[in-house]
Amino acid sequence: MKPERKNKFGHLIYIIALLFSSIFVFGVGVVWALQTMGVSPTISGTLSSQMSIIIYGLALFNFNKDVIIDRLKNKLTFEAFWNGIKLTIIVLIINIIISTLFIQSSEVPEQTQSIVERNSFLMTFLFPVIVAPIAEELAFRASLKYVLVDKACWKPWTYIILSSVIFGLLHWSPGTMGLAHVLLTGLMGATYSIVYLKTDNIYTPIISHMLYNGLVITVASLV
């Protein structure tokens, strides 16, 4: 195996092993610790998932403050905000197409419904609309690009595919709409990755992700 290919393969194994360690080792440990302290399963599960994603992203950056700051160098400008709005419209169109083709029921997805029914600002707004988009975009867009494209010199299209597959699979939920949800979030992830590559501004996908989650939760609440 050529040194360059070996290096690329090593980075691929690294991001998968780190993902497993973050989600299934660190995450499970956090759930156990929180529930031992009397925290409810719902809150402990949400906290552990977000903490796991944050740790995953930081680990991909090697916990290097300078690298993280460099990824956030672009300011939150009006252009980034406007691009985020346009990106949200594209993602909503993707949602409509997937829903029309693969979801035969008008019911709200179980994962979204469970968020709406929690009747808590922390669980229905702060985490899904603010914390999750920031953590997920930094981890699955900025951090993965840093490892795959900047360090391992993978082609941009391989980064788009890998990041969207990981993003989609981590959003799988039990139920009849599980696979459709994976496809939807995978396509969303691919769209966000393409835009991030084009703009080099992580704030655009973060804003879109926030707007999208907020709209979905609002519509589900009304339904």
N, C-alpha and C. Protein backbone atom coordinates (compact mmCIF):
# COMPACT_ATOMS: atom_id res chain seq x y z
N MET A 1 0.84 -1.19 0.00
CA MET A 1 0.00 0.00 0.00
C MET A 1 0.88 1.25 0.00
N LYS A 2 0.60 2.21 -0.89
CA LYS A 2 1.39 3.43 -0.97
C LYS A 2 1.23 4.22 0.32
N PRO A 3 2.29 4.97 0.72
CA PRO A 3 2.23 5.76 1.95
C PRO A 3 1.02 6.69 2.01
N GLU A 4 0.68 7.35 0.87
CA GLU A 4 -0.43 8.28 0.85
C GLU A 4 -1.75 7.56 1.12
N ARG A 5 -1.95 6.39 0.48
CA ARG A 5 -3.17 5.63 0.68
C ARG A 5 -3.23 5.08 2.11
N LYS A 6 -2.08 4.66 2.61
CA LYS A 6 -2.02 4.16 3.98
C LYS A 6 -2.40 5.26 4.96
N ASN A 7 -1.94 6.48 4.70
CA ASN A 7 -2.26 7.62 5.55
C ASN A 7 -3.76 7.91 5.53
N LYS A 8 -4.36 7.86 4.33
CA LYS A 8 -5.79 8.10 4.20
C LYS A 8 -6.60 7.03 4.93
N PHE A 9 -6.19 5.79 4.77
CA PHE A 9 -6.90 4.68 5.41
C PHE A 9 -6.78 4.80 6.94
N GLY A 10 -5.60 5.20 7.39
CA GLY A 10 -5.40 5.36 8.83
C GLY A 10 -6.30 6.43 9.42
N HIS A 11 -6.47 7.53 8.71
CA HIS A 11 -7.35 8.60 9.17
C HIS A 11 -8.81 8.14 9.18
N LEU A 12 -9.19 7.31 8.20
CA LEU A 12 -10.55 6.79 8.16
C LEU A 12 -10.83 5.90 9.37
N ILE A 13 -9.90 5.00 9.67
CA ILE A 13 -10.04 4.14 10.85
C ILE A 13 -10.10 4.99 12.11
N TYR A 14 -9.30 6.04 12.12
CA TYR A 14 -9.24 6.92 13.30
C TYR A 14 -10.58 7.58 13.58
N ILE A 15 -11.22 8.15 12.54
CA ILE A 15 -12.47 8.86 12.78
C ILE A 15 -13.59 7.90 13.17
N ILE A 16 -13.56 6.67 12.65
CA ILE A 16 -14.59 5.68 13.02
C ILE A 16 -14.38 5.20 14.44
N ALA A 17 -13.12 4.89 14.80
CA ALA A 17 -12.82 4.43 16.16
C ALA A 17 -13.12 5.52 17.18
N LEU A 18 -12.80 6.74 16.83
CA LEU A 18 -13.06 7.86 17.74
C LEU A 18 -14.56 8.09 17.90
N LEU A 19 -15.30 7.93 16.81
CA LEU A 19 -16.75 8.07 16.89
C LEU A 19 -17.35 7.01 17.80
N PHE A 20 -16.90 5.77 17.64
CA PHE A 20 -17.39 4.68 18.50
C PHE A 20 -17.06 4.97 19.96
N SER A 21 -15.83 5.41 20.22
CA SER A 21 -15.41 5.68 21.60
C SER A 21 -16.22 6.82 22.20
N SER A 22 -16.46 7.86 21.41
CA SER A 22 -17.18 9.03 21.92
C SER A 22 -18.64 8.71 22.22
N ILE A 23 -19.30 8.03 21.27
CA ILE A 23 -20.73 7.78 21.41
C ILE A 23 -21.03 6.62 22.36
N PHE A 24 -20.34 5.50 22.16
CA PHE A 24 -20.72 4.29 22.88
C PHE A 24 -19.92 4.03 24.16
N VAL A 25 -18.82 4.72 24.33
CA VAL A 25 -18.05 4.56 25.57
C VAL A 25 -18.24 5.77 26.47
N PHE A 26 -17.83 6.93 25.98
CA PHE A 26 -18.01 8.15 26.76
C PHE A 26 -19.49 8.45 26.99
N GLY A 27 -20.31 8.32 25.92
CA GLY A 27 -21.73 8.63 26.03
C GLY A 27 -22.45 7.75 27.02
N VAL A 28 -22.21 6.45 26.94
CA VAL A 28 -22.86 5.52 27.87
C VAL A 28 -22.40 5.79 29.30
N GLY A 29 -21.13 6.15 29.45
CA GLY A 29 -20.61 6.47 30.77
C GLY A 29 -21.28 7.69 31.37
N VAL A 30 -21.53 8.70 30.54
CA VAL A 30 -22.21 9.91 31.00
C VAL A 30 -23.65 9.60 31.40
N VAL A 31 -24.33 8.80 30.59
CA VAL A 31 -25.71 8.41 30.92
C VAL A 31 -25.75 7.71 32.28
N TRP A 32 -24.86 6.76 32.46
CA TRP A 32 -24.82 6.02 33.73
C TRP A 32 -24.56 6.95 34.91
N ALA A 33 -23.60 7.87 34.74
CA ALA A 33 -23.24 8.79 35.83
C ALA A 33 -24.41 9.72 36.17
N LEU A 34 -25.08 10.24 35.15
CA LEU A 34 -26.18 11.16 35.39
C LEU A 34 -27.37 10.46 36.03
N GLN A 35 -27.68 9.26 35.55
CA GLN A 35 -28.80 8.52 36.13
C GLN A 35 -28.50 8.09 37.56
N THR A 36 -27.24 7.82 37.84
CA THR A 36 -26.83 7.50 39.21
C THR A 36 -27.08 8.69 40.13
N MET A 37 -26.95 9.91 39.59
CA MET A 37 -27.19 11.13 40.37
C MET A 37 -28.66 11.50 40.42
N GLY A 38 -29.52 10.68 39.79
CA GLY A 38 -30.96 10.91 39.86
C GLY A 38 -31.53 11.71 38.71
N VAL A 39 -30.72 11.97 37.68
CA VAL A 39 -31.22 12.70 36.51
C VAL A 39 -32.11 11.78 35.68
N SER A 40 -33.20 12.30 35.14
CA SER A 40 -34.14 11.49 34.39
C SER A 40 -33.49 10.90 33.14
N PRO A 41 -33.97 9.75 32.66
CA PRO A 41 -33.40 9.12 31.45
C PRO A 41 -33.45 10.04 30.24
N THR A 42 -34.52 10.83 30.09
CA THR A 42 -34.65 11.72 28.94
C THR A 42 -33.57 12.78 28.93
N ILE A 43 -33.41 13.45 30.07
CA ILE A 43 -32.41 14.52 30.15
C ILE A 43 -31.00 13.95 30.07
N SER A 44 -30.75 12.84 30.77
CA SER A 44 -29.41 12.25 30.75
C SER A 44 -29.05 11.76 29.36
N GLY A 45 -30.02 11.21 28.63
CA GLY A 45 -29.76 10.76 27.26
C GLY A 45 -29.44 11.92 26.33
N THR A 46 -30.19 13.01 26.46
CA THR A 46 -29.95 14.18 25.63
C THR A 46 -28.60 14.81 25.95
N LEU A 47 -28.31 14.98 27.23
CA LEU A 47 -27.04 15.56 27.64
C LEU A 47 -25.86 14.71 27.16
N SER A 48 -25.98 13.41 27.31
CA SER A 48 -24.86 12.53 26.93
C SER A 48 -24.63 12.55 25.43
N SER A 49 -25.71 12.59 24.64
CA SER A 49 -25.54 12.59 23.18
C SER A 49 -24.85 13.87 22.72
N GLN A 50 -25.26 15.01 23.28
CA GLN A 50 -24.64 16.28 22.87
C GLN A 50 -23.20 16.39 23.36
N MET A 51 -22.95 15.93 24.59
CA MET A 51 -21.58 15.95 25.12
C MET A 51 -20.68 15.03 24.30
N SER A 52 -21.22 13.88 23.88
CA SER A 52 -20.44 12.94 23.07
C SER A 52 -20.04 13.56 21.74
N ILE A 53 -20.98 14.27 21.11
CA ILE A 53 -20.70 14.90 19.82
C ILE A 53 -19.67 16.02 19.98
N ILE A 54 -19.79 16.79 21.07
CA ILE A 54 -18.83 17.87 21.33
C ILE A 54 -17.44 17.29 21.54
N ILE A 55 -17.34 16.24 22.35
CA ILE A 55 -16.05 15.60 22.61
C ILE A 55 -15.47 15.04 21.31
N TYR A 56 -16.33 14.45 20.47
CA TYR A 56 -15.89 13.90 19.19
C TYR A 56 -15.28 14.99 18.32
N GLY A 57 -15.98 16.12 18.22
CA GLY A 57 -15.47 17.22 17.41
C GLY A 57 -14.16 17.78 17.94
N LEU A 58 -14.08 17.97 19.25
CA LEU A 58 -12.85 18.49 19.86
C LEU A 58 -11.69 17.52 19.67
N ALA A 59 -11.98 16.22 19.79
CA ALA A 59 -10.93 15.21 19.62
C ALA A 59 -10.41 15.20 18.18
N LEU A 60 -11.30 15.38 17.21
CA LEU A 60 -10.88 15.44 15.81
C LEU A 60 -9.97 16.65 15.58
N PHE A 61 -10.20 17.71 16.35
CA PHE A 61 -9.34 18.90 16.28
C PHE A 61 -8.10 18.74 17.15
N ASN A 62 -7.96 17.55 17.76
CA ASN A 62 -6.84 17.29 18.68
C ASN A 62 -6.84 18.23 19.88
N PHE A 63 -8.04 18.73 20.22
CA PHE A 63 -8.19 19.67 21.33
C PHE A 63 -7.25 20.87 21.18
N ASN A 64 -6.96 21.22 19.93
CA ASN A 64 -6.06 22.32 19.62
C ASN A 64 -6.85 23.62 19.49
N LYS A 65 -6.66 24.52 20.44
CA LYS A 65 -7.41 25.77 20.47
C LYS A 65 -7.18 26.60 19.21
N ASP A 66 -5.94 26.65 18.74
CA ASP A 66 -5.63 27.46 17.56
C ASP A 66 -6.34 26.94 16.31
N VAL A 67 -6.42 25.63 16.18
CA VAL A 67 -7.11 25.04 15.02
C VAL A 67 -8.61 25.35 15.08
N ILE A 68 -9.18 25.23 16.27
CA ILE A 68 -10.61 25.51 16.43
C ILE A 68 -10.91 26.96 16.12
N ILE A 69 -10.10 27.87 16.64
CA ILE A 69 -10.30 29.30 16.38
C ILE A 69 -10.17 29.60 14.88
N ASP A 70 -9.25 28.91 14.21
CA ASP A 70 -9.07 29.11 12.78
C ASP A 70 -10.31 28.70 12.00
N ARG A 71 -11.01 27.64 12.46
CA ARG A 71 -12.23 27.20 11.79
C ARG A 71 -13.37 28.20 12.00
N LEU A 72 -13.25 29.02 13.05
CA LEU A 72 -14.30 29.99 13.37
C LEU A 72 -13.89 31.41 12.98
N LYS A 73 -12.87 31.51 12.14
CA LYS A 73 -12.30 32.82 11.82
C LYS A 73 -13.28 33.72 11.08
N ASN A 74 -14.13 33.13 10.24
CA ASN A 74 -15.10 33.93 9.50
C ASN A 74 -16.20 34.43 10.44
N LYS A 75 -16.50 35.69 10.36
CA LYS A 75 -17.47 36.28 11.27
C LYS A 75 -18.90 35.97 10.82
N LEU A 76 -19.81 36.10 11.78
CA LEU A 76 -21.22 35.90 11.49
C LEU A 76 -21.74 37.17 10.81
N THR A 77 -21.70 37.17 9.51
CA THR A 77 -22.09 38.35 8.74
C THR A 77 -23.53 38.22 8.23
N PHE A 78 -24.04 39.32 7.67
CA PHE A 78 -25.38 39.29 7.08
C PHE A 78 -25.42 38.31 5.92
N GLU A 79 -24.32 38.25 5.14
CA GLU A 79 -24.25 37.31 4.01
C GLU A 79 -24.37 35.87 4.48
N ALA A 80 -23.67 35.54 5.58
CA ALA A 80 -23.73 34.19 6.13
C ALA A 80 -25.15 33.87 6.60
N PHE A 81 -25.79 34.85 7.22
CA PHE A 81 -27.17 34.67 7.70
C PHE A 81 -28.12 34.48 6.52
N TRP A 82 -27.98 35.30 5.49
CA TRP A 82 -28.84 35.21 4.32
C TRP A 82 -28.63 33.88 3.59
N ASN A 83 -27.38 33.46 3.48
CA ASN A 83 -27.09 32.15 2.88
C ASN A 83 -27.70 31.03 3.71
N GLY A 84 -27.71 31.21 5.03
CA GLY A 84 -28.33 30.21 5.91
C GLY A 84 -29.82 30.09 5.66
N ILE A 85 -30.46 31.22 5.40
CA ILE A 85 -31.90 31.20 5.10
C ILE A 85 -32.16 30.48 3.78
N LYS A 86 -31.37 30.80 2.77
CA LYS A 86 -31.53 30.15 1.46
C LYS A 86 -31.25 28.64 1.57
N LEU A 87 -30.25 28.30 2.36
CA LEU A 87 -29.92 26.88 2.55
C LEU A 87 -31.05 26.15 3.26
N THR A 88 -31.71 26.83 4.18
CA THR A 88 -32.84 26.23 4.89
C THR A 88 -33.98 25.91 3.93
N ILE A 89 -34.22 26.80 2.99
CA ILE A 89 -35.27 26.57 1.98
C ILE A 89 -34.95 25.31 1.17
N ILE A 90 -33.68 25.16 0.79
CA ILE A 90 -33.26 23.97 0.03
C ILE A 90 -33.49 22.70 0.86
N VAL A 91 -33.12 22.77 2.14
CA VAL A 91 -33.27 21.61 3.02
C VAL A 91 -34.75 21.27 3.22
N LEU A 92 -35.59 22.28 3.32
CA LEU A 92 -37.04 22.05 3.46
C LEU A 92 -37.60 21.38 2.21
N ILE A 93 -37.10 21.78 1.03
CA ILE A 93 -37.54 21.15 -0.22
C ILE A 93 -37.13 19.68 -0.23
N ILE A 94 -35.90 19.39 0.24
CA ILE A 94 -35.44 18.00 0.36
C ILE A 94 -36.35 17.22 1.29
N ASN A 95 -36.73 17.85 2.39
CA ASN A 95 -37.63 17.22 3.37
C ASN A 95 -38.97 16.87 2.71
N ILE A 96 -39.51 17.80 1.95
CA ILE A 96 -40.81 17.58 1.30
C ILE A 96 -40.72 16.43 0.30
N ILE A 97 -39.63 16.40 -0.48
CA ILE A 97 -39.46 15.34 -1.48
C ILE A 97 -39.34 13.97 -0.82
N ILE A 98 -38.49 13.87 0.20
CA ILE A 98 -38.32 12.59 0.91
C ILE A 98 -39.61 12.16 1.57
N SER A 99 -40.30 13.12 2.19
CA SER A 99 -41.57 12.79 2.85
C SER A 99 -42.60 12.29 1.86
N THR A 100 -42.64 12.91 0.68
CA THR A 100 -43.60 12.52 -0.34
C THR A 100 -43.30 11.13 -0.91
N LEU A 101 -42.01 10.84 -1.11
CA LEU A 101 -41.62 9.58 -1.74
C LEU A 101 -41.61 8.39 -0.78
N PHE A 102 -41.20 8.62 0.46
CA PHE A 102 -40.94 7.50 1.36
C PHE A 102 -41.82 7.44 2.60
N ILE A 103 -42.46 8.54 2.94
CA ILE A 103 -43.28 8.54 4.15
C ILE A 103 -44.74 8.62 3.74
N GLN A 104 -45.44 7.55 3.99
CA GLN A 104 -46.83 7.45 3.56
C GLN A 104 -47.82 7.95 4.61
N SER A 105 -47.34 8.31 5.76
CA SER A 105 -48.20 8.76 6.85
C SER A 105 -47.99 10.23 7.11
N SER A 106 -49.04 10.92 7.56
CA SER A 106 -48.94 12.34 7.90
C SER A 106 -48.54 12.55 9.34
N GLU A 107 -48.26 11.47 10.05
CA GLU A 107 -47.88 11.57 11.45
C GLU A 107 -46.51 12.23 11.60
N VAL A 108 -46.32 12.89 12.75
CA VAL A 108 -45.03 13.50 13.07
C VAL A 108 -44.06 12.38 13.43
N PRO A 109 -42.82 12.42 12.93
CA PRO A 109 -41.83 11.39 13.29
C PRO A 109 -41.70 11.23 14.79
N GLU A 110 -41.47 9.98 15.23
CA GLU A 110 -41.43 9.69 16.66
C GLU A 110 -40.39 10.53 17.39
N GLN A 111 -39.21 10.70 16.79
CA GLN A 111 -38.15 11.46 17.43
C GLN A 111 -38.57 12.91 17.65
N THR A 112 -39.18 13.53 16.64
CA THR A 112 -39.64 14.90 16.77
C THR A 112 -40.79 15.01 17.77
N GLN A 113 -41.71 14.03 17.72
CA GLN A 113 -42.86 14.04 18.63
C GLN A 113 -42.41 13.94 20.08
N SER A 114 -41.39 13.12 20.33
CA SER A 114 -40.91 12.96 21.71
C SER A 114 -40.30 14.26 22.22
N ILE A 115 -39.68 15.04 21.32
CA ILE A 115 -39.12 16.34 21.72
C ILE A 115 -40.24 17.31 22.06
N VAL A 116 -41.26 17.35 21.22
CA VAL A 116 -42.37 18.28 21.41
C VAL A 116 -43.12 17.98 22.71
N GLU A 117 -43.27 16.72 23.05
CA GLU A 117 -44.07 16.32 24.21
C GLU A 117 -43.36 16.50 25.54
N ARG A 118 -42.11 16.94 25.52
CA ARG A 118 -41.37 17.06 26.78
C ARG A 118 -41.77 18.27 27.61
N ASN A 119 -42.40 19.28 26.96
CA ASN A 119 -42.90 20.45 27.68
C ASN A 119 -41.82 21.10 28.54
N SER A 120 -40.64 21.24 28.01
CA SER A 120 -39.53 21.83 28.74
C SER A 120 -38.73 22.69 27.77
N PHE A 121 -38.43 23.93 28.18
CA PHE A 121 -37.63 24.82 27.33
C PHE A 121 -36.28 24.20 27.02
N LEU A 122 -35.71 23.54 28.03
CA LEU A 122 -34.40 22.92 27.88
C LEU A 122 -34.42 21.85 26.80
N MET A 123 -35.45 21.01 26.83
CA MET A 123 -35.50 19.85 25.96
C MET A 123 -36.15 20.11 24.61
N THR A 124 -37.07 21.08 24.55
CA THR A 124 -37.77 21.32 23.29
C THR A 124 -37.20 22.47 22.48
N PHE A 125 -36.39 23.31 23.09
CA PHE A 125 -35.84 24.43 22.34
C PHE A 125 -34.32 24.54 22.47
N LEU A 126 -33.80 24.67 23.68
CA LEU A 126 -32.38 24.95 23.87
C LEU A 126 -31.49 23.90 23.23
N PHE A 127 -31.73 22.62 23.53
CA PHE A 127 -30.87 21.58 22.98
C PHE A 127 -31.12 21.33 21.49
N PRO A 128 -32.37 21.10 21.06
CA PRO A 128 -32.59 20.79 19.63
C PRO A 128 -32.30 21.96 18.69
N VAL A 129 -32.58 23.18 19.12
CA VAL A 129 -32.51 24.33 18.21
C VAL A 129 -31.19 25.11 18.34
N ILE A 130 -30.58 25.10 19.50
CA ILE A 130 -29.35 25.88 19.71
C ILE A 130 -28.12 24.97 19.84
N VAL A 131 -28.13 24.11 20.85
CA VAL A 131 -26.94 23.33 21.18
C VAL A 131 -26.62 22.30 20.09
N ALA A 132 -27.62 21.50 19.70
CA ALA A 132 -27.38 20.42 18.73
C ALA A 132 -26.83 20.93 17.40
N PRO A 133 -27.42 21.97 16.78
CA PRO A 133 -26.86 22.44 15.51
C PRO A 133 -25.41 22.91 15.61
N ILE A 134 -25.08 23.61 16.69
CA ILE A 134 -23.70 24.08 16.86
C ILE A 134 -22.76 22.89 17.01
N ALA A 135 -23.11 21.96 17.91
CA ALA A 135 -22.25 20.80 18.17
C ALA A 135 -22.10 19.93 16.92
N GLU A 136 -23.21 19.66 16.23
CA GLU A 136 -23.18 18.77 15.09
C GLU A 136 -22.46 19.38 13.89
N GLU A 137 -22.65 20.67 13.66
CA GLU A 137 -21.97 21.28 12.51
C GLU A 137 -20.46 21.39 12.75
N LEU A 138 -20.06 21.69 13.97
CA LEU A 138 -18.63 21.74 14.28
C LEU A 138 -18.00 20.36 14.17
N ALA A 139 -18.75 19.34 14.61
CA ALA A 139 -18.20 17.97 14.59
C ALA A 139 -18.23 17.36 13.20
N PHE A 140 -19.40 17.35 12.57
CA PHE A 140 -19.58 16.60 11.32
C PHE A 140 -19.27 17.40 10.06
N ARG A 141 -19.16 18.70 10.17
CA ARG A 141 -18.76 19.50 9.03
C ARG A 141 -17.32 20.00 9.22
N ALA A 142 -17.08 20.84 10.21
CA ALA A 142 -15.76 21.46 10.36
C ALA A 142 -14.68 20.46 10.76
N SER A 143 -14.96 19.64 11.77
CA SER A 143 -13.93 18.72 12.28
C SER A 143 -13.60 17.63 11.26
N LEU A 144 -14.63 17.04 10.64
CA LEU A 144 -14.38 15.98 9.67
C LEU A 144 -13.65 16.52 8.44
N LYS A 145 -13.98 17.74 8.03
CA LYS A 145 -13.25 18.34 6.90
C LYS A 145 -11.79 18.54 7.28
N TYR A 146 -11.55 18.97 8.50
CA TYR A 146 -10.18 19.19 8.96
C TYR A 146 -9.36 17.90 8.88
N VAL A 147 -9.96 16.79 9.30
CA VAL A 147 -9.23 15.51 9.31
C VAL A 147 -9.14 14.91 7.91
N LEU A 148 -10.26 14.85 7.21
CA LEU A 148 -10.30 14.13 5.94
C LEU A 148 -9.69 14.92 4.77
N VAL A 149 -10.02 16.19 4.69
CA VAL A 149 -9.56 16.99 3.54
C VAL A 149 -8.24 17.70 3.83
N ASP A 150 -8.19 18.40 4.96
CA ASP A 150 -7.00 19.21 5.26
C ASP A 150 -5.79 18.36 5.68
N LYS A 151 -6.02 17.32 6.48
CA LYS A 151 -4.90 16.52 6.97
C LYS A 151 -4.63 15.28 6.11
N ALA A 152 -5.69 14.51 5.81
CA ALA A 152 -5.51 13.26 5.07
C ALA A 152 -5.53 13.45 3.56
N CYS A 153 -5.88 14.67 3.11
CA CYS A 153 -5.90 15.00 1.67
C CYS A 153 -6.88 14.13 0.88
N TRP A 154 -8.01 13.77 1.49
CA TRP A 154 -9.06 13.08 0.75
C TRP A 154 -9.69 14.07 -0.22
N LYS A 155 -10.27 13.54 -1.29
CA LYS A 155 -11.00 14.37 -2.23
C LYS A 155 -12.25 14.94 -1.54
N PRO A 156 -12.64 16.16 -1.88
CA PRO A 156 -13.82 16.76 -1.23
C PRO A 156 -15.07 15.89 -1.32
N TRP A 157 -15.27 15.19 -2.44
CA TRP A 157 -16.48 14.39 -2.59
C TRP A 157 -16.51 13.22 -1.63
N THR A 158 -15.32 12.69 -1.26
CA THR A 158 -15.29 11.60 -0.28
C THR A 158 -15.65 12.12 1.10
N TYR A 159 -15.20 13.33 1.40
CA TYR A 159 -15.59 13.97 2.67
C TYR A 159 -17.10 14.19 2.72
N ILE A 160 -17.67 14.64 1.62
CA ILE A 160 -19.12 14.88 1.57
C ILE A 160 -19.88 13.58 1.83
N ILE A 161 -19.47 12.50 1.18
CA ILE A 161 -20.15 11.22 1.34
C ILE A 161 -19.99 10.68 2.76
N LEU A 162 -18.76 10.64 3.27
CA LEU A 162 -18.50 10.08 4.59
C LEU A 162 -19.20 10.88 5.69
N SER A 163 -19.11 12.19 5.62
CA SER A 163 -19.73 13.01 6.66
C SER A 163 -21.25 12.89 6.63
N SER A 164 -21.84 12.80 5.43
CA SER A 164 -23.29 12.69 5.34
C SER A 164 -23.78 11.31 5.79
N VAL A 165 -23.00 10.25 5.49
CA VAL A 165 -23.37 8.91 5.94
C VAL A 165 -23.34 8.82 7.47
N ILE A 166 -22.26 9.34 8.07
CA ILE A 166 -22.15 9.34 9.53
C ILE A 166 -23.29 10.16 10.14
N PHE A 167 -23.52 11.34 9.59
CA PHE A 167 -24.56 12.23 10.09
C PHE A 167 -25.94 11.57 9.99
N GLY A 168 -26.19 10.91 8.86
CA GLY A 168 -27.48 10.26 8.68
C GLY A 168 -27.69 9.09 9.62
N LEU A 169 -26.70 8.22 9.73
CA LEU A 169 -26.83 7.03 10.58
C LEU A 169 -26.99 7.39 12.05
N LEU A 170 -26.35 8.46 12.49
CA LEU A 170 -26.47 8.86 13.89
C LEU A 170 -27.84 9.45 14.20
N HIS A 171 -28.63 9.75 13.16
CA HIS A 171 -29.98 10.27 13.37
C HIS A 171 -31.04 9.19 13.15
N TRP A 172 -30.59 7.95 13.06
CA TRP A 172 -31.57 6.87 12.91
C TRP A 172 -32.44 6.78 14.15
N SER A 173 -33.70 6.52 13.95
CA SER A 173 -34.62 6.36 15.08
C SER A 173 -35.50 5.16 14.81
N PRO A 174 -35.89 4.43 15.85
CA PRO A 174 -36.74 3.25 15.66
C PRO A 174 -38.11 3.63 15.11
N GLY A 175 -38.71 2.71 14.42
CA GLY A 175 -40.03 2.98 13.86
C GLY A 175 -40.04 2.83 12.36
N THR A 176 -41.21 2.96 11.79
CA THR A 176 -41.39 2.75 10.35
C THR A 176 -40.68 3.81 9.51
N MET A 177 -40.45 4.98 10.09
CA MET A 177 -39.84 6.07 9.33
C MET A 177 -38.34 6.19 9.58
N GLY A 178 -37.76 5.18 10.24
CA GLY A 178 -36.35 5.24 10.60
C GLY A 178 -35.43 5.43 9.41
N LEU A 179 -35.60 4.59 8.38
CA LEU A 179 -34.73 4.66 7.21
C LEU A 179 -34.94 5.95 6.43
N ALA A 180 -36.19 6.41 6.36
CA ALA A 180 -36.48 7.67 5.67
C ALA A 180 -35.80 8.83 6.39
N HIS A 181 -35.78 8.75 7.71
CA HIS A 181 -35.13 9.80 8.50
C HIS A 181 -33.62 9.80 8.27
N VAL A 182 -33.04 8.61 8.16
CA VAL A 182 -31.60 8.50 7.87
C VAL A 182 -31.30 9.10 6.50
N LEU A 183 -32.13 8.79 5.51
CA LEU A 183 -31.94 9.33 4.16
C LEU A 183 -32.07 10.85 4.17
N LEU A 184 -33.08 11.35 4.86
CA LEU A 184 -33.31 12.79 4.93
C LEU A 184 -32.13 13.51 5.57
N THR A 185 -31.71 13.05 6.75
CA THR A 185 -30.61 13.72 7.44
C THR A 185 -29.29 13.53 6.69
N GLY A 186 -29.14 12.39 6.02
CA GLY A 186 -27.94 12.18 5.21
C GLY A 186 -27.84 13.18 4.07
N LEU A 187 -28.95 13.41 3.38
CA LEU A 187 -28.98 14.40 2.30
C LEU A 187 -28.80 15.81 2.84
N MET A 188 -29.38 16.07 4.02
CA MET A 188 -29.16 17.37 4.66
C MET A 188 -27.68 17.57 4.95
N GLY A 189 -27.06 16.52 5.50
CA GLY A 189 -25.64 16.60 5.81
C GLY A 189 -24.79 16.84 4.58
N ALA A 190 -25.12 16.17 3.48
CA ALA A 190 -24.38 16.36 2.23
C ALA A 190 -24.52 17.81 1.75
N THR A 191 -25.74 18.34 1.85
CA THR A 191 -25.98 19.73 1.43
C THR A 191 -25.17 20.70 2.28
N TYR A 192 -25.18 20.48 3.59
CA TYR A 192 -24.41 21.34 4.49
C TYR A 192 -22.91 21.25 4.21
N SER A 193 -22.44 20.03 3.93
CA SER A 193 -21.02 19.84 3.66
C SER A 193 -20.60 20.56 2.38
N ILE A 194 -21.43 20.47 1.34
CA ILE A 194 -21.13 21.14 0.07
C ILE A 194 -21.05 22.65 0.28
N VAL A 195 -22.02 23.19 1.00
CA VAL A 195 -22.04 24.64 1.25
C VAL A 195 -20.84 25.06 2.08
N TYR A 196 -20.48 24.25 3.07
CA TYR A 196 -19.32 24.58 3.90
C TYR A 196 -18.04 24.57 3.07
N LEU A 197 -17.92 23.62 2.17
CA LEU A 197 -16.75 23.57 1.29
C LEU A 197 -16.70 24.80 0.38
N LYS A 198 -17.87 25.23 -0.11
CA LYS A 198 -17.92 26.36 -1.05
C LYS A 198 -17.65 27.69 -0.34
N THR A 199 -18.19 27.85 0.87
CA THR A 199 -18.11 29.15 1.55
C THR A 199 -16.98 29.23 2.56
N ASP A 200 -16.53 28.08 3.07
CA ASP A 200 -15.53 28.03 4.14
C ASP A 200 -16.00 28.82 5.36
N ASN A 201 -17.31 28.88 5.54
CA ASN A 201 -17.90 29.60 6.67
C ASN A 201 -18.86 28.67 7.40
N ILE A 202 -18.47 28.18 8.58
CA ILE A 202 -19.27 27.21 9.31
C ILE A 202 -20.57 27.80 9.84
N TYR A 203 -20.63 29.15 9.90
CA TYR A 203 -21.84 29.78 10.45
C TYR A 203 -23.05 29.60 9.53
N THR A 204 -22.81 29.47 8.24
CA THR A 204 -23.94 29.29 7.32
C THR A 204 -24.69 27.99 7.58
N PRO A 205 -24.03 26.81 7.63
CA PRO A 205 -24.77 25.59 7.96
C PRO A 205 -25.30 25.59 9.40
N ILE A 206 -24.62 26.24 10.32
CA ILE A 206 -25.13 26.31 11.70
C ILE A 206 -26.45 27.06 11.73
N ILE A 207 -26.52 28.21 11.07
CA ILE A 207 -27.75 29.00 11.03
C ILE A 207 -28.88 28.22 10.37
N SER A 208 -28.58 27.58 9.24
CA SER A 208 -29.59 26.79 8.55
C SER A 208 -30.09 25.65 9.42
N HIS A 209 -29.17 24.98 10.08
CA HIS A 209 -29.53 23.85 10.95
C HIS A 209 -30.44 24.32 12.08
N MET A 210 -30.13 25.47 12.66
CA MET A 210 -30.96 26.03 13.73
C MET A 210 -32.36 26.37 13.22
N LEU A 211 -32.40 27.05 12.08
CA LEU A 211 -33.69 27.45 11.50
C LEU A 211 -34.54 26.22 11.15
N TYR A 212 -33.89 25.22 10.56
CA TYR A 212 -34.62 24.01 10.17
C TYR A 212 -35.19 23.30 11.39
N ASN A 213 -34.37 23.06 12.40
CA ASN A 213 -34.85 22.39 13.61
C ASN A 213 -35.96 23.18 14.28
N GLY A 214 -35.79 24.51 14.32
CA GLY A 214 -36.82 25.35 14.92
C GLY A 214 -38.14 25.27 14.18
N LEU A 215 -38.08 25.27 12.85
CA LEU A 215 -39.30 25.19 12.04
C LEU A 215 -39.98 23.83 12.21
N VAL A 216 -39.19 22.76 12.19
CA VAL A 216 -39.75 21.40 12.34
C VAL A 216 -40.46 21.25 13.69
N ILE A 217 -39.81 21.72 14.75
CA ILE A 217 -40.39 21.60 16.08
C ILE A 217 -41.65 22.48 16.21
N THR A 218 -41.61 23.67 15.61
CA THR A 218 -42.77 24.55 15.65
C THR A 218 -43.96 23.94 14.92
N VAL A 219 -43.71 23.42 13.73
CA VAL A 219 -44.79 22.79 12.94
C VAL A 219 -45.34 21.56 13.67
N ALA A 220 -44.43 20.74 14.25
CA ALA A 220 -44.86 19.55 14.99
C ALA A 220 -45.72 19.94 16.20
N SER A 221 -45.38 21.06 16.85
CA SER A 221 -46.14 21.52 17.99
C SER A 221 -47.55 21.94 17.57
N LEU A 222 -47.64 22.60 16.42
CA LEU A 222 -48.95 23.03 15.92
C LEU A 222 -49.79 21.85 15.49
N VAL A 223 -49.14 20.85 14.86
CA VAL A 223 -49.87 19.65 14.40
C VAL A 223 -50.39 18.87 15.59
